[in-house]
Structure formats: structure tokens, C-alpha cells
């Protein structure tokens, strides 16, 4: 059981790192108040309920994938 929990925690950290990277480089968040920024919203969810935060993070990652489907190689940051 502990092993599964550790794996879930590691997965969460990796997904959170990805969302931070993607939000910083590709999401248009100009004009959003600080508490509505993607990472701030996730951290608010974390304080309320980690299961909800995990589910929300997965959905956010799925949204990032959908938004990036149209990228061509010239748009991808190196």
C-alpha cells in the first residue's frame, strides 16, 4: 500500500512540474489575478482536498495536450 501511495505522489509531482512548465511557456494568463493563475488554483485545491487536486491536475494536463495538438515544430520552445 505504501508503495502505491509513493508512486501516486511521484506521479503528482511530475504532473505538477509539467503544468508549471506548460503554464509558464504556453498559456496566456496575462490579466488573470494571481489567485486565478493555474498553479495558484491548483495549490488552493491541494489545501482543500488532495484527491480533488489530483483529478483537477489530470484534467489540466489533458487540456494542455489538447491545446498543443496543433503545434508545429516551429512553435515548440527549445
N, C-alpha and C. Protein backbone atom coordinates (compact mmCIF):
# COMPACT_ATOMS: atom_id res chain seq x y z
N UNK A 1 0.83 -1.21 0.00
CA UNK A 1 0.00 0.00 0.00
C UNK A 1 0.87 1.27 0.00
N UNK A 2 1.92 1.25 0.79
CA UNK A 2 2.79 2.42 0.86
C UNK A 2 3.45 2.66 -0.50
N UNK A 3 3.84 1.60 -1.16
CA UNK A 3 4.48 1.72 -2.48
C UNK A 3 3.55 2.41 -3.48
N UNK A 4 2.29 2.03 -3.47
CA UNK A 4 1.32 2.65 -4.38
C UNK A 4 1.14 4.13 -4.06
N UNK A 5 1.13 4.45 -2.79
CA UNK A 5 0.99 5.85 -2.38
C UNK A 5 2.22 6.66 -2.82
N UNK A 6 3.40 6.08 -2.66
CA UNK A 6 4.62 6.76 -3.10
C UNK A 6 4.60 6.98 -4.62
N UNK A 7 4.13 5.99 -5.37
CA UNK A 7 4.04 6.12 -6.82
C UNK A 7 3.05 7.22 -7.20
N UNK A 8 1.93 7.29 -6.50
CA UNK A 8 0.94 8.32 -6.78
C UNK A 8 1.50 9.71 -6.46
N UNK A 9 2.23 9.81 -5.37
CA UNK A 9 2.83 11.09 -5.00
C UNK A 9 3.87 11.53 -6.03
N UNK A 10 4.68 10.58 -6.51
CA UNK A 10 5.67 10.89 -7.53
C UNK A 10 5.00 11.32 -8.83
N UNK A 11 3.94 10.62 -9.21
CA UNK A 11 3.19 10.98 -10.41
C UNK A 11 2.62 12.39 -10.28
N UNK A 12 2.10 12.71 -9.11
CA UNK A 12 1.53 14.04 -8.87
C UNK A 12 2.61 15.11 -9.03
N UNK A 13 3.77 14.89 -8.44
CA UNK A 13 4.86 15.86 -8.52
C UNK A 13 5.28 16.08 -9.98
N UNK A 14 5.40 15.00 -10.72
CA UNK A 14 5.79 15.11 -12.14
C UNK A 14 4.73 15.87 -12.94
N UNK A 15 3.46 15.57 -12.70
CA UNK A 15 2.40 16.27 -13.43
C UNK A 15 2.36 17.75 -13.04
N UNK A 16 2.57 18.03 -11.76
CA UNK A 16 2.57 19.42 -11.30
C UNK A 16 3.73 20.19 -11.94
N UNK A 17 4.90 19.55 -12.03
CA UNK A 17 6.04 20.18 -12.69
C UNK A 17 5.73 20.47 -14.15
N UNK A 18 5.08 19.51 -14.82
CA UNK A 18 4.72 19.72 -16.22
C UNK A 18 3.75 20.89 -16.36
N UNK A 19 2.73 20.92 -15.50
CA UNK A 19 1.75 22.01 -15.60
C UNK A 19 2.42 23.36 -15.38
N UNK A 20 3.34 23.42 -14.44
CA UNK A 20 4.06 24.67 -14.19
C UNK A 20 4.83 25.09 -15.44
N UNK A 21 5.55 24.15 -16.05
CA UNK A 21 6.31 24.42 -17.27
C UNK A 21 5.39 24.88 -18.39
N UNK A 22 4.31 24.15 -18.60
CA UNK A 22 3.40 24.46 -19.71
C UNK A 22 2.71 25.80 -19.48
N UNK A 23 2.25 26.03 -18.28
CA UNK A 23 1.55 27.28 -17.97
C UNK A 23 2.47 28.48 -18.19
N UNK A 24 3.71 28.34 -17.75
CA UNK A 24 4.67 29.44 -17.88
C UNK A 24 5.01 29.74 -19.34
N UNK A 25 5.10 28.70 -20.15
CA UNK A 25 5.55 28.89 -21.52
C UNK A 25 4.47 29.02 -22.57
N UNK A 26 3.29 28.46 -22.30
CA UNK A 26 2.31 28.34 -23.38
C UNK A 26 0.91 28.88 -23.08
N UNK A 27 0.57 29.03 -21.83
CA UNK A 27 -0.78 29.52 -21.52
C UNK A 27 -0.78 31.04 -21.46
N UNK A 28 -1.81 31.61 -21.99
CA UNK A 28 -1.95 33.06 -21.94
C UNK A 28 -2.70 33.41 -20.65
N UNK A 29 -1.92 33.77 -19.64
CA UNK A 29 -2.52 34.06 -18.34
C UNK A 29 -2.40 35.53 -17.97
N UNK A 30 -1.93 36.34 -18.91
CA UNK A 30 -1.83 37.77 -18.65
C UNK A 30 -3.20 38.31 -18.29
N UNK A 31 -3.26 39.11 -17.28
CA UNK A 31 -4.52 39.70 -16.88
C UNK A 31 -5.27 38.89 -15.84
N UNK A 32 -4.87 37.64 -15.64
CA UNK A 32 -5.53 36.85 -14.59
C UNK A 32 -5.01 37.31 -13.23
N UNK A 33 -5.89 37.44 -12.27
CA UNK A 33 -5.41 37.78 -10.92
C UNK A 33 -4.50 36.67 -10.40
N UNK A 34 -3.58 37.01 -9.51
CA UNK A 34 -2.64 35.99 -9.00
C UNK A 34 -3.31 34.74 -8.46
N UNK A 35 -4.45 34.88 -7.81
CA UNK A 35 -5.11 33.70 -7.23
C UNK A 35 -5.83 32.85 -8.27
N UNK A 36 -5.93 33.32 -9.50
CA UNK A 36 -6.57 32.56 -10.58
C UNK A 36 -5.55 31.96 -11.55
N UNK A 37 -4.26 32.21 -11.31
CA UNK A 37 -3.22 31.60 -12.12
C UNK A 37 -3.29 30.09 -11.94
N UNK A 38 -2.90 29.31 -12.96
CA UNK A 38 -3.03 27.85 -12.87
C UNK A 38 -2.41 27.22 -11.63
N UNK A 39 -1.19 27.59 -11.30
CA UNK A 39 -0.54 26.95 -10.16
C UNK A 39 -1.17 27.40 -8.84
N UNK A 40 -1.59 28.63 -8.75
CA UNK A 40 -2.26 29.10 -7.53
C UNK A 40 -3.59 28.38 -7.35
N UNK A 41 -4.31 28.18 -8.44
CA UNK A 41 -5.59 27.46 -8.37
C UNK A 41 -5.37 26.03 -7.90
N UNK A 42 -4.32 25.39 -8.42
CA UNK A 42 -4.02 24.02 -8.02
C UNK A 42 -3.66 23.97 -6.54
N UNK A 43 -2.86 24.89 -6.08
CA UNK A 43 -2.46 24.91 -4.68
C UNK A 43 -3.64 25.15 -3.75
N UNK A 44 -4.61 25.93 -4.20
CA UNK A 44 -5.83 26.11 -3.42
C UNK A 44 -6.58 24.79 -3.31
N UNK A 45 -6.68 24.07 -4.42
CA UNK A 45 -7.32 22.75 -4.40
C UNK A 45 -6.58 21.79 -3.47
N UNK A 46 -5.26 21.84 -3.49
CA UNK A 46 -4.46 20.95 -2.63
C UNK A 46 -4.80 21.15 -1.16
N UNK A 47 -5.01 22.39 -0.78
CA UNK A 47 -5.33 22.69 0.63
C UNK A 47 -6.70 22.18 1.02
N UNK A 48 -7.61 22.14 0.05
CA UNK A 48 -8.97 21.69 0.34
C UNK A 48 -9.09 20.18 0.32
N UNK A 49 -8.53 19.55 -0.74
CA UNK A 49 -8.72 18.11 -0.91
C UNK A 49 -7.74 17.61 -1.96
N UNK A 50 -6.80 16.76 -1.54
CA UNK A 50 -5.77 16.28 -2.47
C UNK A 50 -6.35 15.41 -3.58
N UNK A 51 -7.38 14.65 -3.29
CA UNK A 51 -7.97 13.82 -4.34
C UNK A 51 -8.57 14.71 -5.44
N UNK A 52 -9.25 15.77 -5.03
CA UNK A 52 -9.81 16.72 -5.98
C UNK A 52 -8.69 17.41 -6.75
N UNK A 53 -7.62 17.75 -6.05
CA UNK A 53 -6.47 18.40 -6.71
C UNK A 53 -5.86 17.46 -7.74
N UNK A 54 -5.72 16.18 -7.39
CA UNK A 54 -5.14 15.20 -8.31
C UNK A 54 -6.01 15.08 -9.56
N UNK A 55 -7.31 14.98 -9.36
CA UNK A 55 -8.22 14.88 -10.50
C UNK A 55 -8.20 16.15 -11.35
N UNK A 56 -8.16 17.29 -10.70
CA UNK A 56 -8.09 18.56 -11.42
C UNK A 56 -6.80 18.70 -12.21
N UNK A 57 -5.70 18.22 -11.60
CA UNK A 57 -4.41 18.28 -12.28
C UNK A 57 -4.42 17.38 -13.51
N UNK A 58 -4.98 16.20 -13.38
CA UNK A 58 -5.07 15.31 -14.55
C UNK A 58 -5.87 15.96 -15.67
N UNK A 59 -6.98 16.60 -15.32
CA UNK A 59 -7.80 17.26 -16.33
C UNK A 59 -7.02 18.41 -16.98
N UNK A 60 -6.28 19.15 -16.17
CA UNK A 60 -5.49 20.26 -16.70
C UNK A 60 -4.43 19.75 -17.68
N UNK A 61 -3.79 18.62 -17.34
CA UNK A 61 -2.79 18.03 -18.24
C UNK A 61 -3.46 17.60 -19.55
N UNK A 62 -4.62 16.98 -19.45
CA UNK A 62 -5.36 16.59 -20.66
C UNK A 62 -5.67 17.81 -21.51
N UNK A 63 -6.08 18.89 -20.87
CA UNK A 63 -6.36 20.13 -21.60
C UNK A 63 -5.11 20.65 -22.30
N UNK A 64 -3.97 20.58 -21.62
CA UNK A 64 -2.70 21.02 -22.22
C UNK A 64 -2.38 20.20 -23.46
N UNK A 65 -2.58 18.90 -23.37
CA UNK A 65 -2.32 18.03 -24.52
C UNK A 65 -3.24 18.41 -25.68
N UNK A 66 -4.51 18.61 -25.40
CA UNK A 66 -5.46 19.00 -26.46
C UNK A 66 -5.06 20.34 -27.08
N UNK A 67 -4.66 21.30 -26.25
CA UNK A 67 -4.28 22.62 -26.77
C UNK A 67 -3.02 22.56 -27.61
N UNK A 68 -2.16 21.58 -27.35
CA UNK A 68 -0.88 21.52 -28.06
C UNK A 68 -0.93 20.66 -29.31
N UNK A 69 -2.04 20.03 -29.59
CA UNK A 69 -2.14 19.16 -30.76
C UNK A 69 -1.89 19.91 -32.07
N UNK A 70 -2.16 21.19 -32.09
CA UNK A 70 -1.99 21.96 -33.32
C UNK A 70 -0.57 22.53 -33.47
N UNK A 71 0.27 22.39 -32.46
CA UNK A 71 1.62 22.94 -32.53
C UNK A 71 2.38 22.33 -33.71
N UNK A 72 3.15 23.16 -34.37
CA UNK A 72 4.12 22.59 -35.29
C UNK A 72 5.49 22.75 -34.63
N UNK A 73 6.49 22.13 -35.20
CA UNK A 73 7.81 22.14 -34.55
C UNK A 73 8.35 23.54 -34.33
N UNK A 74 8.00 24.48 -35.17
CA UNK A 74 8.50 25.84 -35.03
C UNK A 74 7.94 26.51 -33.79
N UNK A 75 6.76 26.08 -33.32
CA UNK A 75 6.16 26.70 -32.14
C UNK A 75 6.70 26.16 -30.82
N UNK A 76 7.29 25.00 -30.86
CA UNK A 76 7.75 24.36 -29.63
C UNK A 76 9.03 25.01 -29.17
N UNK A 77 9.06 25.40 -27.91
CA UNK A 77 10.22 26.06 -27.34
C UNK A 77 11.31 25.02 -27.08
N UNK A 78 12.53 25.40 -27.35
CA UNK A 78 13.68 24.52 -27.05
C UNK A 78 14.35 24.96 -25.79
